[in-house]
């Protein structure tokens, strides 16, 4: 009788300058069989070395830290050849730093008062490369945060999206609506494998890291 394969373990690095937050997250996640805390850091300055040594799959990243903030740390990690997924930890869902971190390549964000079960689910989704960001939250962020260059950003986004084929653009818009590959497959009458191929081409053509960045670009262009 063959035994069931062991579930894959997701390795997690917690980065927050609040020791109580780090301790709380560690205690919460340590009891989950498929999750493993491989390190903690109190500042973004310590992140590159810890990622190099601990090789986490997911980094839970605070935004506001004394020396190197979560935004700069996220940008540095995303420049790595094989970066971990990054989930932003924040107190406010309209923080302009959150939107900038998402543009830099974070998979999504969690409010620090998110219920434990939802944090576990979010970590698992991040490890699978799934965005932790609903279309309504995306709209809320963009509506509440002004970077002083709305018109210019919209023009640049439209120019980038013009590089896509009509089918690729349809897939990009569907991603911005928060649809999964299976849902896009059913909506656009193509196989899931074909959807995945289109998503990969969209990321390559637009020089983006993940689906969240695709969604933000589509929102910037005013297509959602």
N, C-alpha and C. Protein backbone atom coordinates (compact mmCIF):
# COMPACT_ATOMS: atom_id res chain seq x y z
N UNK A 1 0.86 -1.19 0.00
CA UNK A 1 0.00 0.00 0.00
C UNK A 1 0.90 1.25 0.00
N UNK A 2 0.69 2.10 -0.98
CA UNK A 2 1.54 3.29 -1.10
C UNK A 2 1.05 4.38 -0.16
N UNK A 3 1.99 5.08 0.43
CA UNK A 3 1.64 6.17 1.35
C UNK A 3 1.41 7.45 0.57
N UNK A 4 0.59 8.34 1.15
CA UNK A 4 0.32 9.62 0.52
C UNK A 4 1.58 10.48 0.57
N UNK A 5 1.87 11.23 -0.51
CA UNK A 5 3.05 12.10 -0.48
C UNK A 5 2.87 13.21 0.54
N UNK A 6 3.97 13.60 1.17
CA UNK A 6 3.93 14.69 2.14
C UNK A 6 3.59 16.01 1.43
N UNK A 7 2.72 16.83 2.04
CA UNK A 7 2.40 18.11 1.41
C UNK A 7 3.65 19.01 1.38
N UNK A 8 3.75 19.81 0.32
CA UNK A 8 4.88 20.73 0.21
C UNK A 8 4.82 21.75 1.35
N UNK A 9 5.98 22.05 1.92
CA UNK A 9 6.05 23.00 3.02
C UNK A 9 6.45 24.37 2.47
N UNK A 10 5.68 25.39 2.83
CA UNK A 10 5.98 26.76 2.42
C UNK A 10 6.84 27.43 3.47
N UNK A 11 8.00 27.92 3.06
CA UNK A 11 8.96 28.56 3.96
C UNK A 11 8.68 30.07 4.02
N UNK A 12 8.60 30.60 5.24
CA UNK A 12 8.15 31.98 5.44
C UNK A 12 9.19 32.79 6.20
N UNK A 13 9.44 34.00 5.71
CA UNK A 13 10.27 34.99 6.43
C UNK A 13 9.35 36.13 6.86
N UNK A 14 9.39 36.48 8.15
CA UNK A 14 8.57 37.56 8.68
C UNK A 14 9.45 38.79 8.89
N UNK A 15 9.04 39.92 8.31
CA UNK A 15 9.82 41.16 8.41
C UNK A 15 8.92 42.25 8.98
N UNK A 16 9.18 42.66 10.21
CA UNK A 16 8.37 43.70 10.86
C UNK A 16 9.19 44.25 12.03
N UNK A 17 9.19 45.58 12.20
CA UNK A 17 9.98 46.16 13.28
C UNK A 17 9.29 46.05 14.64
N UNK A 18 8.05 45.57 14.67
CA UNK A 18 7.32 45.38 15.92
C UNK A 18 7.50 43.94 16.38
N UNK A 19 8.21 43.76 17.49
CA UNK A 19 8.50 42.41 17.99
C UNK A 19 7.23 41.64 18.32
N UNK A 20 6.19 42.35 18.79
CA UNK A 20 4.93 41.68 19.12
C UNK A 20 4.24 41.14 17.87
N UNK A 21 4.31 41.91 16.78
CA UNK A 21 3.72 41.45 15.52
C UNK A 21 4.46 40.21 15.03
N UNK A 22 5.79 40.26 15.09
CA UNK A 22 6.58 39.10 14.66
C UNK A 22 6.25 37.87 15.49
N UNK A 23 6.17 38.06 16.81
CA UNK A 23 5.89 36.94 17.70
C UNK A 23 4.49 36.37 17.44
N UNK A 24 3.52 37.27 17.25
CA UNK A 24 2.16 36.82 17.01
C UNK A 24 2.04 36.02 15.73
N UNK A 25 2.66 36.51 14.66
CA UNK A 25 2.62 35.79 13.39
C UNK A 25 3.34 34.45 13.48
N UNK A 26 4.48 34.45 14.16
CA UNK A 26 5.23 33.20 14.32
C UNK A 26 4.43 32.15 15.07
N UNK A 27 3.81 32.56 16.17
CA UNK A 27 3.01 31.62 16.96
C UNK A 27 1.83 31.10 16.15
N UNK A 28 1.20 32.00 15.40
CA UNK A 28 0.03 31.62 14.62
C UNK A 28 0.39 30.64 13.51
N UNK A 29 1.47 30.92 12.79
CA UNK A 29 1.82 30.11 11.61
C UNK A 29 2.60 28.85 11.96
N UNK A 30 3.25 28.86 13.13
CA UNK A 30 4.08 27.72 13.50
C UNK A 30 3.27 26.45 13.70
N UNK A 31 1.99 26.60 14.02
CA UNK A 31 1.17 25.42 14.26
C UNK A 31 0.53 24.84 13.02
N UNK A 32 0.82 25.42 11.84
CA UNK A 32 0.23 24.94 10.58
C UNK A 32 1.21 23.97 9.92
N UNK A 33 0.80 22.71 9.70
CA UNK A 33 1.75 21.68 9.23
C UNK A 33 2.50 22.00 7.94
N UNK A 34 1.85 22.69 7.00
CA UNK A 34 2.50 22.92 5.71
C UNK A 34 3.20 24.27 5.63
N UNK A 35 3.33 24.95 6.78
CA UNK A 35 4.02 26.24 6.82
C UNK A 35 5.19 26.16 7.80
N UNK A 36 6.31 26.81 7.45
CA UNK A 36 7.49 26.80 8.30
C UNK A 36 8.11 28.20 8.36
N UNK A 37 8.28 28.73 9.57
CA UNK A 37 8.95 30.02 9.75
C UNK A 37 10.45 29.77 9.67
N UNK A 38 11.12 30.36 8.69
CA UNK A 38 12.56 30.13 8.53
C UNK A 38 13.39 31.33 8.99
N UNK A 39 12.72 32.41 9.42
CA UNK A 39 13.48 33.55 9.90
C UNK A 39 12.59 34.73 10.22
N UNK A 40 13.14 35.67 10.98
CA UNK A 40 12.47 36.93 11.31
C UNK A 40 13.48 38.05 11.15
N UNK A 41 12.99 39.21 10.72
CA UNK A 41 13.85 40.39 10.60
C UNK A 41 13.08 41.60 11.09
N UNK A 42 13.82 42.56 11.67
CA UNK A 42 13.19 43.76 12.21
C UNK A 42 13.32 44.96 11.28
N UNK A 43 14.04 44.78 10.16
CA UNK A 43 14.25 45.91 9.23
C UNK A 43 14.53 45.38 7.83
N UNK A 44 14.12 46.17 6.84
CA UNK A 44 14.35 45.76 5.46
C UNK A 44 15.81 45.62 5.10
N UNK A 45 16.69 46.27 5.86
CA UNK A 45 18.12 46.18 5.59
C UNK A 45 18.64 44.76 5.78
N UNK A 46 17.97 43.98 6.63
CA UNK A 46 18.42 42.62 6.92
C UNK A 46 17.85 41.59 5.94
N UNK A 47 16.92 42.02 5.10
CA UNK A 47 16.19 41.06 4.26
C UNK A 47 17.05 40.36 3.21
N UNK A 48 17.88 41.07 2.43
CA UNK A 48 18.63 40.38 1.38
C UNK A 48 19.47 39.22 1.90
N UNK A 49 20.20 39.43 2.99
CA UNK A 49 21.05 38.38 3.54
C UNK A 49 20.22 37.22 4.06
N UNK A 50 19.07 37.53 4.67
CA UNK A 50 18.23 36.46 5.23
C UNK A 50 17.57 35.65 4.12
N UNK A 51 17.18 36.31 3.05
CA UNK A 51 16.60 35.59 1.91
C UNK A 51 17.66 34.69 1.29
N UNK A 52 18.88 35.19 1.22
CA UNK A 52 19.97 34.40 0.64
C UNK A 52 20.24 33.15 1.47
N UNK A 53 20.19 33.27 2.79
CA UNK A 53 20.53 32.13 3.65
C UNK A 53 19.34 31.21 3.93
N UNK A 54 18.15 31.80 4.13
CA UNK A 54 16.99 31.00 4.55
C UNK A 54 16.15 30.50 3.38
N UNK A 55 16.26 31.14 2.21
CA UNK A 55 15.52 30.74 1.01
C UNK A 55 14.02 30.60 1.25
N UNK A 56 13.36 31.67 1.72
CA UNK A 56 11.91 31.57 1.95
C UNK A 56 11.14 31.55 0.62
N UNK A 57 9.95 30.95 0.67
CA UNK A 57 9.05 30.98 -0.48
C UNK A 57 8.20 32.24 -0.45
N UNK A 58 7.88 32.68 0.77
CA UNK A 58 7.02 33.86 0.97
C UNK A 58 7.64 34.76 2.03
N UNK A 59 7.64 36.06 1.75
CA UNK A 59 8.09 37.05 2.73
C UNK A 59 6.88 37.88 3.15
N UNK A 60 6.59 37.90 4.45
CA UNK A 60 5.56 38.79 4.99
C UNK A 60 6.27 40.08 5.39
N UNK A 61 6.00 41.16 4.65
CA UNK A 61 6.82 42.37 4.71
C UNK A 61 6.05 43.58 5.25
N UNK A 62 6.52 44.10 6.37
CA UNK A 62 5.99 45.35 6.89
C UNK A 62 6.41 46.50 5.96
N UNK A 63 5.61 47.55 5.91
CA UNK A 63 5.95 48.70 5.06
C UNK A 63 6.83 49.69 5.81
N UNK A 64 6.42 50.09 6.97
CA UNK A 64 7.11 51.17 7.68
C UNK A 64 8.13 50.61 8.67
N UNK A 65 9.41 50.76 8.32
CA UNK A 65 10.50 50.31 9.18
C UNK A 65 11.57 51.40 9.22
N UNK A 66 12.37 51.43 10.29
CA UNK A 66 13.23 52.61 10.54
C UNK A 66 14.33 52.88 9.54
N UNK A 67 15.06 51.86 9.07
CA UNK A 67 16.20 52.12 8.17
C UNK A 67 15.80 51.91 6.71
N UNK A 68 15.50 50.67 6.35
CA UNK A 68 15.07 50.36 4.98
C UNK A 68 13.62 49.90 5.04
N UNK A 69 12.72 50.66 4.41
CA UNK A 69 11.31 50.31 4.51
C UNK A 69 10.94 49.13 3.59
N UNK A 70 9.70 48.67 3.73
CA UNK A 70 9.26 47.51 2.98
C UNK A 70 9.21 47.73 1.48
N UNK A 71 9.00 48.98 1.07
CA UNK A 71 8.97 49.29 -0.36
C UNK A 71 10.34 49.06 -0.98
N UNK A 72 11.37 49.65 -0.37
CA UNK A 72 12.73 49.49 -0.90
C UNK A 72 13.16 48.02 -0.84
N UNK A 73 12.78 47.33 0.25
CA UNK A 73 13.15 45.91 0.37
C UNK A 73 12.45 45.07 -0.69
N UNK A 74 11.19 45.40 -0.98
CA UNK A 74 10.44 44.67 -2.03
C UNK A 74 11.09 44.88 -3.38
N UNK A 75 11.43 46.13 -3.70
CA UNK A 75 12.06 46.42 -4.98
C UNK A 75 13.39 45.67 -5.13
N UNK A 76 14.16 45.61 -4.04
CA UNK A 76 15.44 44.90 -4.08
C UNK A 76 15.24 43.41 -4.29
N UNK A 77 14.26 42.83 -3.61
CA UNK A 77 14.01 41.40 -3.76
C UNK A 77 13.53 41.05 -5.16
N UNK A 78 12.69 41.89 -5.73
CA UNK A 78 12.14 41.59 -7.06
C UNK A 78 13.21 41.67 -8.15
N UNK A 79 14.34 42.27 -7.83
CA UNK A 79 15.44 42.32 -8.81
C UNK A 79 16.26 41.03 -8.79
N UNK A 80 16.02 40.16 -7.81
CA UNK A 80 16.73 38.89 -7.75
C UNK A 80 16.31 37.98 -8.90
N UNK A 81 17.17 37.03 -9.25
CA UNK A 81 16.85 36.10 -10.34
C UNK A 81 15.65 35.24 -10.01
N UNK A 82 15.58 34.75 -8.78
CA UNK A 82 14.48 33.88 -8.38
C UNK A 82 13.90 34.40 -7.06
N UNK A 83 13.13 35.49 -7.13
CA UNK A 83 12.68 36.13 -5.89
C UNK A 83 11.55 35.36 -5.22
N UNK A 84 11.44 35.49 -3.89
CA UNK A 84 10.28 34.91 -3.19
C UNK A 84 9.05 35.75 -3.47
N UNK A 85 7.89 35.18 -3.19
CA UNK A 85 6.66 35.97 -3.24
C UNK A 85 6.65 36.90 -2.02
N UNK A 86 6.10 38.09 -2.21
CA UNK A 86 6.10 39.09 -1.14
C UNK A 86 4.67 39.52 -0.85
N UNK A 87 4.29 39.41 0.42
CA UNK A 87 2.98 39.87 0.88
C UNK A 87 3.20 41.03 1.84
N UNK A 88 2.61 42.16 1.53
CA UNK A 88 2.79 43.36 2.34
C UNK A 88 1.88 43.33 3.56
N UNK A 89 2.46 43.64 4.74
CA UNK A 89 1.69 43.78 5.97
C UNK A 89 1.48 45.26 6.24
N UNK A 90 0.25 45.65 6.47
CA UNK A 90 -0.02 47.07 6.66
C UNK A 90 -1.17 47.29 7.63
N UNK A 91 -1.25 48.49 8.16
CA UNK A 91 -2.35 48.86 9.05
C UNK A 91 -3.47 49.53 8.27
N UNK A 92 -3.13 50.17 7.16
CA UNK A 92 -4.12 50.93 6.38
C UNK A 92 -4.17 50.42 4.95
N UNK A 93 -5.38 50.17 4.45
CA UNK A 93 -5.50 49.63 3.09
C UNK A 93 -5.44 50.72 2.02
N UNK A 94 -5.29 51.99 2.42
CA UNK A 94 -5.16 53.06 1.42
C UNK A 94 -3.78 53.72 1.50
N UNK A 95 -2.85 53.06 2.13
CA UNK A 95 -1.48 53.58 2.23
C UNK A 95 -0.86 53.66 0.84
N UNK A 96 -0.33 54.82 0.46
CA UNK A 96 0.25 54.95 -0.88
C UNK A 96 1.45 54.02 -1.06
N UNK A 97 2.12 53.67 0.05
CA UNK A 97 3.24 52.76 -0.05
C UNK A 97 2.79 51.36 -0.48
N UNK A 98 1.57 50.99 -0.08
CA UNK A 98 1.04 49.67 -0.47
C UNK A 98 0.93 49.59 -1.99
N UNK A 99 0.36 50.62 -2.59
CA UNK A 99 0.19 50.62 -4.04
C UNK A 99 1.55 50.59 -4.74
N UNK A 100 2.49 51.35 -4.22
CA UNK A 100 3.83 51.35 -4.83
C UNK A 100 4.50 49.98 -4.69
N UNK A 101 4.30 49.32 -3.56
CA UNK A 101 4.87 47.98 -3.37
C UNK A 101 4.24 46.98 -4.34
N UNK A 102 2.95 47.11 -4.57
CA UNK A 102 2.28 46.22 -5.52
C UNK A 102 2.80 46.48 -6.93
N UNK A 103 3.01 47.72 -7.26
CA UNK A 103 3.57 48.04 -8.59
C UNK A 103 4.99 47.47 -8.71
N UNK A 104 5.69 47.39 -7.58
CA UNK A 104 7.06 46.88 -7.59
C UNK A 104 7.11 45.36 -7.71
N UNK A 105 5.98 44.70 -7.50
CA UNK A 105 5.96 43.25 -7.69
C UNK A 105 5.47 42.43 -6.52
N UNK A 106 4.95 43.07 -5.46
CA UNK A 106 4.37 42.30 -4.35
C UNK A 106 3.13 41.55 -4.84
N UNK A 107 2.89 40.37 -4.26
CA UNK A 107 1.76 39.54 -4.67
C UNK A 107 0.44 40.09 -4.15
N UNK A 108 0.47 40.82 -3.06
CA UNK A 108 -0.75 41.36 -2.48
C UNK A 108 -0.44 41.95 -1.12
N UNK A 109 -1.49 42.24 -0.35
CA UNK A 109 -1.24 42.77 0.97
C UNK A 109 -2.27 42.24 1.96
N UNK A 110 -1.88 42.27 3.23
CA UNK A 110 -2.76 41.86 4.32
C UNK A 110 -2.80 42.97 5.36
N UNK A 111 -3.99 43.28 5.85
CA UNK A 111 -4.09 44.16 7.00
C UNK A 111 -3.64 43.38 8.23
N UNK A 112 -3.00 44.06 9.16
CA UNK A 112 -2.43 43.36 10.32
C UNK A 112 -3.50 42.78 11.24
N UNK A 113 -4.75 43.23 11.11
CA UNK A 113 -5.82 42.65 11.93
C UNK A 113 -6.61 41.58 11.18
N UNK A 114 -6.03 41.07 10.08
CA UNK A 114 -6.67 39.99 9.33
C UNK A 114 -6.80 38.75 10.23
N UNK A 115 -7.95 38.06 10.21
CA UNK A 115 -8.12 36.85 11.03
C UNK A 115 -7.06 35.81 10.69
N UNK A 116 -6.60 35.05 11.69
CA UNK A 116 -5.53 34.05 11.47
C UNK A 116 -5.79 33.10 10.32
N UNK A 117 -7.01 32.56 10.21
CA UNK A 117 -7.30 31.60 9.14
C UNK A 117 -7.11 32.23 7.77
N UNK A 118 -7.46 33.53 7.66
CA UNK A 118 -7.32 34.22 6.38
C UNK A 118 -5.85 34.48 6.05
N UNK A 119 -5.03 34.71 7.09
CA UNK A 119 -3.60 34.90 6.86
C UNK A 119 -2.98 33.60 6.33
N UNK A 120 -3.36 32.47 6.93
CA UNK A 120 -2.87 31.17 6.46
C UNK A 120 -3.25 30.94 5.00
N UNK A 121 -4.50 31.21 4.68
CA UNK A 121 -4.97 31.05 3.29
C UNK A 121 -4.19 31.95 2.35
N UNK A 122 -3.96 33.19 2.77
CA UNK A 122 -3.25 34.15 1.93
C UNK A 122 -1.81 33.70 1.68
N UNK A 123 -1.15 33.17 2.71
CA UNK A 123 0.22 32.70 2.55
C UNK A 123 0.27 31.55 1.55
N UNK A 124 -0.68 30.63 1.67
CA UNK A 124 -0.73 29.50 0.74
C UNK A 124 -0.97 29.99 -0.69
N UNK A 125 -1.85 30.95 -0.85
CA UNK A 125 -2.13 31.48 -2.18
C UNK A 125 -0.90 32.19 -2.75
N UNK A 126 -0.23 32.94 -1.91
CA UNK A 126 0.98 33.64 -2.36
C UNK A 126 2.02 32.63 -2.83
N UNK A 127 2.19 31.55 -2.07
CA UNK A 127 3.18 30.52 -2.42
C UNK A 127 2.85 29.90 -3.77
N UNK A 128 1.55 29.86 -4.10
CA UNK A 128 1.12 29.30 -5.38
C UNK A 128 1.15 30.34 -6.50
N UNK A 129 1.58 31.58 -6.17
CA UNK A 129 1.66 32.63 -7.18
C UNK A 129 0.33 33.28 -7.49
N UNK A 130 -0.67 33.07 -6.63
CA UNK A 130 -1.99 33.66 -6.85
C UNK A 130 -2.06 35.03 -6.17
N UNK A 131 -2.63 36.03 -6.86
CA UNK A 131 -2.71 37.37 -6.27
C UNK A 131 -3.63 37.42 -5.06
N UNK A 132 -3.22 38.19 -4.05
CA UNK A 132 -4.05 38.37 -2.85
C UNK A 132 -4.62 39.78 -2.92
N UNK A 133 -5.48 39.99 -3.88
CA UNK A 133 -5.98 41.34 -4.13
C UNK A 133 -7.24 41.23 -4.97
N UNK A 134 -8.35 41.68 -4.41
CA UNK A 134 -9.59 41.62 -5.17
C UNK A 134 -9.70 42.85 -6.07
N UNK A 135 -10.46 42.76 -7.17
CA UNK A 135 -10.63 43.92 -8.05
C UNK A 135 -11.17 45.15 -7.31
N UNK A 136 -12.07 44.92 -6.33
CA UNK A 136 -12.64 46.06 -5.60
C UNK A 136 -11.57 46.76 -4.77
N UNK A 137 -10.66 45.98 -4.18
CA UNK A 137 -9.57 46.57 -3.40
C UNK A 137 -8.62 47.33 -4.32
N UNK A 138 -8.35 46.77 -5.50
CA UNK A 138 -7.49 47.45 -6.47
C UNK A 138 -8.08 48.81 -6.83
N UNK A 139 -9.37 48.83 -7.12
CA UNK A 139 -10.03 50.10 -7.47
C UNK A 139 -9.96 51.08 -6.31
N UNK A 140 -10.17 50.57 -5.08
CA UNK A 140 -10.14 51.43 -3.90
C UNK A 140 -8.76 52.06 -3.71
N UNK A 141 -7.72 51.25 -3.87
CA UNK A 141 -6.37 51.76 -3.72
C UNK A 141 -6.08 52.85 -4.73
N UNK A 142 -6.39 52.58 -5.99
CA UNK A 142 -6.08 53.54 -7.05
C UNK A 142 -6.91 54.81 -6.89
N UNK A 143 -8.15 54.67 -6.43
CA UNK A 143 -9.02 55.82 -6.26
C UNK A 143 -8.54 56.71 -5.11
N UNK A 144 -8.00 56.10 -4.05
CA UNK A 144 -7.62 56.87 -2.87
C UNK A 144 -6.20 57.42 -2.92
N UNK A 145 -5.38 56.87 -3.77
CA UNK A 145 -3.98 57.29 -3.81
C UNK A 145 -3.68 58.02 -5.10
N UNK A 146 -3.19 59.24 -4.98
CA UNK A 146 -2.82 60.02 -6.16
C UNK A 146 -1.32 60.19 -6.20
N UNK A 147 -0.72 59.85 -7.34
CA UNK A 147 0.73 60.03 -7.43
C UNK A 147 1.10 61.27 -8.24
N UNK A 148 0.09 62.11 -8.55
CA UNK A 148 0.36 63.36 -9.25
C UNK A 148 0.63 63.20 -10.73
N UNK A 149 0.46 62.00 -11.23
CA UNK A 149 0.77 61.77 -12.64
C UNK A 149 -0.28 60.84 -13.26
N UNK A 150 -1.55 61.02 -12.83
CA UNK A 150 -2.60 60.13 -13.30
C UNK A 150 -2.72 60.06 -14.81
N UNK A 151 -2.74 61.25 -15.47
CA UNK A 151 -2.89 61.27 -16.92
C UNK A 151 -1.71 60.63 -17.62
N UNK A 152 -0.51 60.95 -17.15
CA UNK A 152 0.68 60.38 -17.76
C UNK A 152 0.75 58.88 -17.57
N UNK A 153 0.35 58.42 -16.39
CA UNK A 153 0.37 56.98 -16.12
C UNK A 153 -0.63 56.26 -17.01
N UNK A 154 -1.81 56.86 -17.21
CA UNK A 154 -2.83 56.25 -18.07
C UNK A 154 -2.33 56.13 -19.51
N UNK A 155 -1.66 57.18 -19.98
CA UNK A 155 -1.11 57.14 -21.35
C UNK A 155 -0.04 56.08 -21.50
N UNK A 156 0.84 55.98 -20.51
CA UNK A 156 1.90 54.97 -20.56
C UNK A 156 1.31 53.56 -20.50
N UNK A 157 0.28 53.39 -19.68
CA UNK A 157 -0.35 52.07 -19.56
C UNK A 157 -1.01 51.67 -20.87
N UNK A 158 -1.71 52.62 -21.49
CA UNK A 158 -2.37 52.33 -22.77
C UNK A 158 -1.33 51.99 -23.84
N UNK A 159 -0.20 52.69 -23.83
CA UNK A 159 0.85 52.41 -24.81
C UNK A 159 1.42 51.01 -24.60
N UNK A 160 1.63 50.62 -23.33
CA UNK A 160 2.14 49.27 -23.06
C UNK A 160 1.16 48.20 -23.52
N UNK A 161 -0.11 48.40 -23.19
CA UNK A 161 -1.12 47.40 -23.55
C UNK A 161 -1.30 47.29 -25.07
N UNK A 162 -0.94 48.34 -25.79
CA UNK A 162 -1.03 48.30 -27.25
C UNK A 162 -0.05 47.30 -27.84
N UNK A 163 0.96 46.88 -27.05
CA UNK A 163 1.91 45.87 -27.52
C UNK A 163 1.29 44.48 -27.58
N UNK A 164 0.15 44.30 -26.94
CA UNK A 164 -0.48 42.99 -26.86
C UNK A 164 -1.38 42.72 -28.07
N UNK A 165 -1.54 41.45 -28.38
CA UNK A 165 -2.53 41.07 -29.39
C UNK A 165 -3.92 41.25 -28.79
N UNK A 166 -4.95 41.19 -29.62
CA UNK A 166 -6.31 41.37 -29.12
C UNK A 166 -6.65 40.30 -28.08
N UNK A 167 -6.23 39.06 -28.33
CA UNK A 167 -6.53 37.97 -27.41
C UNK A 167 -5.78 38.15 -26.10
N UNK A 168 -4.53 38.56 -26.19
CA UNK A 168 -3.74 38.80 -24.97
C UNK A 168 -4.35 39.93 -24.15
N UNK A 169 -4.86 40.95 -24.83
CA UNK A 169 -5.49 42.06 -24.12
C UNK A 169 -6.76 41.60 -23.40
N UNK A 170 -7.52 40.72 -24.04
CA UNK A 170 -8.72 40.17 -23.41
C UNK A 170 -8.35 39.40 -22.13
N UNK A 171 -7.28 38.65 -22.21
CA UNK A 171 -6.82 37.89 -21.04
C UNK A 171 -6.38 38.87 -19.93
N UNK A 172 -5.67 39.92 -20.31
CA UNK A 172 -5.20 40.91 -19.33
C UNK A 172 -6.38 41.57 -18.62
N UNK A 173 -7.41 41.93 -19.37
CA UNK A 173 -8.60 42.56 -18.78
C UNK A 173 -9.30 41.58 -17.84
N UNK A 174 -9.37 40.32 -18.25
CA UNK A 174 -10.00 39.30 -17.39
C UNK A 174 -9.22 39.15 -16.09
N UNK A 175 -7.89 39.21 -16.16
CA UNK A 175 -7.06 39.14 -14.95
C UNK A 175 -7.38 40.33 -14.04
N UNK A 176 -7.55 41.51 -14.62
CA UNK A 176 -7.86 42.70 -13.85
C UNK A 176 -9.22 42.59 -13.16
N UNK A 177 -10.10 41.76 -13.71
CA UNK A 177 -11.40 41.51 -13.08
C UNK A 177 -11.30 40.43 -12.01
N UNK A 178 -10.09 39.94 -11.77
CA UNK A 178 -9.88 38.96 -10.71
C UNK A 178 -10.22 37.53 -11.07
N UNK A 179 -10.31 37.25 -12.36
CA UNK A 179 -10.69 35.90 -12.80
C UNK A 179 -9.50 34.95 -12.77
N UNK A 180 -9.78 33.70 -12.41
CA UNK A 180 -8.76 32.66 -12.40
C UNK A 180 -8.54 32.15 -13.82
N UNK A 181 -7.51 31.34 -14.02
CA UNK A 181 -7.25 30.77 -15.34
C UNK A 181 -8.45 29.94 -15.82
N UNK A 182 -9.05 29.19 -14.90
CA UNK A 182 -10.20 28.37 -15.27
C UNK A 182 -11.38 29.23 -15.70
N UNK A 183 -11.60 30.33 -14.99
CA UNK A 183 -12.71 31.23 -15.34
C UNK A 183 -12.44 31.93 -16.67
N UNK A 184 -11.20 32.33 -16.91
CA UNK A 184 -10.85 32.94 -18.20
C UNK A 184 -11.03 31.93 -19.32
N UNK A 185 -10.65 30.68 -19.07
CA UNK A 185 -10.81 29.61 -20.05
C UNK A 185 -12.25 29.48 -20.48
N UNK A 186 -13.17 29.46 -19.51
CA UNK A 186 -14.59 29.31 -19.82
C UNK A 186 -15.15 30.55 -20.52
N UNK A 187 -14.70 31.72 -20.08
CA UNK A 187 -15.23 32.97 -20.64
C UNK A 187 -14.77 33.21 -22.07
N UNK A 188 -13.50 32.87 -22.35
CA UNK A 188 -12.93 33.17 -23.66
C UNK A 188 -12.85 31.94 -24.58
N UNK A 189 -13.42 30.82 -24.11
CA UNK A 189 -13.50 29.60 -24.92
C UNK A 189 -12.12 29.15 -25.41
N UNK A 190 -11.22 28.98 -24.45
CA UNK A 190 -9.89 28.44 -24.76
C UNK A 190 -9.49 27.51 -23.62
N UNK A 191 -8.54 26.63 -23.88
CA UNK A 191 -8.10 25.71 -22.84
C UNK A 191 -7.33 26.45 -21.75
N UNK A 192 -7.27 25.83 -20.56
CA UNK A 192 -6.51 26.43 -19.46
C UNK A 192 -5.03 26.56 -19.84
N UNK A 193 -4.52 25.56 -20.57
CA UNK A 193 -3.13 25.60 -21.01
C UNK A 193 -2.88 26.81 -21.92
N UNK A 194 -3.85 27.09 -22.79
CA UNK A 194 -3.73 28.25 -23.69
C UNK A 194 -3.78 29.55 -22.89
N UNK A 195 -4.66 29.59 -21.87
CA UNK A 195 -4.73 30.78 -21.02
C UNK A 195 -3.38 31.02 -20.35
N UNK A 196 -2.80 29.95 -19.80
CA UNK A 196 -1.49 30.07 -19.14
C UNK A 196 -0.43 30.59 -20.10
N UNK A 197 -0.49 30.11 -21.35
CA UNK A 197 0.48 30.56 -22.35
C UNK A 197 0.29 32.05 -22.64
N UNK A 198 -0.96 32.48 -22.72
CA UNK A 198 -1.24 33.90 -22.96
C UNK A 198 -0.75 34.75 -21.79
N UNK A 199 -1.00 34.27 -20.55
CA UNK A 199 -0.55 35.02 -19.37
C UNK A 199 0.97 35.17 -19.39
N UNK A 200 1.66 34.10 -19.71
CA UNK A 200 3.13 34.15 -19.76
C UNK A 200 3.60 35.16 -20.81
N UNK A 201 2.93 35.17 -21.97
CA UNK A 201 3.33 36.12 -23.02
C UNK A 201 3.04 37.56 -22.60
N UNK A 202 1.91 37.77 -21.91
CA UNK A 202 1.57 39.12 -21.44
C UNK A 202 2.64 39.60 -20.46
N UNK A 203 3.03 38.74 -19.52
CA UNK A 203 4.06 39.12 -18.55
C UNK A 203 5.38 39.45 -19.25
N UNK A 204 5.73 38.64 -20.24
CA UNK A 204 6.99 38.86 -20.96
C UNK A 204 6.95 40.15 -21.78
N UNK A 205 5.87 40.33 -22.53
CA UNK A 205 5.76 41.52 -23.39
C UNK A 205 5.73 42.81 -22.58
N UNK A 206 5.03 42.77 -21.45
CA UNK A 206 4.87 43.98 -20.65
C UNK A 206 5.98 44.15 -19.61
N UNK A 207 6.89 43.15 -19.55
CA UNK A 207 8.03 43.18 -18.62
C UNK A 207 7.55 43.32 -17.17
N UNK A 208 6.58 42.46 -16.82
CA UNK A 208 5.99 42.47 -15.49
C UNK A 208 6.32 41.16 -14.76
N UNK A 209 6.12 41.17 -13.44
CA UNK A 209 6.45 40.02 -12.61
C UNK A 209 5.28 39.10 -12.32
N UNK A 210 4.08 39.66 -12.19
CA UNK A 210 2.96 38.83 -11.75
C UNK A 210 1.62 39.40 -12.19
N UNK A 211 0.56 38.68 -11.85
CA UNK A 211 -0.79 39.04 -12.27
C UNK A 211 -1.27 40.34 -11.63
N UNK A 212 -0.80 40.63 -10.41
CA UNK A 212 -1.20 41.88 -9.76
C UNK A 212 -0.75 43.07 -10.59
N UNK A 213 0.48 43.01 -11.11
CA UNK A 213 0.98 44.12 -11.93
C UNK A 213 0.19 44.24 -13.23
N UNK A 214 -0.23 43.11 -13.81
CA UNK A 214 -1.09 43.17 -14.99
C UNK A 214 -2.38 43.90 -14.65
N UNK A 215 -3.00 43.52 -13.53
CA UNK A 215 -4.26 44.14 -13.12
C UNK A 215 -4.10 45.64 -12.90
N UNK A 216 -3.01 46.04 -12.24
CA UNK A 216 -2.79 47.47 -12.00
C UNK A 216 -2.62 48.23 -13.30
N UNK A 217 -1.91 47.63 -14.26
CA UNK A 217 -1.69 48.29 -15.53
C UNK A 217 -3.02 48.49 -16.28
N UNK A 218 -3.86 47.46 -16.26
CA UNK A 218 -5.17 47.56 -16.91
C UNK A 218 -6.01 48.61 -16.24
N UNK A 219 -5.97 48.67 -14.91
CA UNK A 219 -6.70 49.71 -14.18
C UNK A 219 -6.17 51.10 -14.53
N UNK A 220 -4.84 51.22 -14.61
CA UNK A 220 -4.25 52.51 -14.97
C UNK A 220 -4.74 53.00 -16.33
N UNK A 221 -4.89 52.05 -17.25
CA UNK A 221 -5.32 52.40 -18.60
C UNK A 221 -6.81 52.69 -18.69
N UNK A 222 -7.53 52.48 -17.60
CA UNK A 222 -8.98 52.78 -17.57
C UNK A 222 -9.83 51.73 -18.25
N UNK A 223 -9.33 50.50 -18.36
CA UNK A 223 -10.08 49.44 -19.04
C UNK A 223 -10.96 48.64 -18.10
N UNK A 224 -10.91 48.94 -16.81
CA UNK A 224 -11.74 48.24 -15.82
C UNK A 224 -12.46 49.28 -14.98
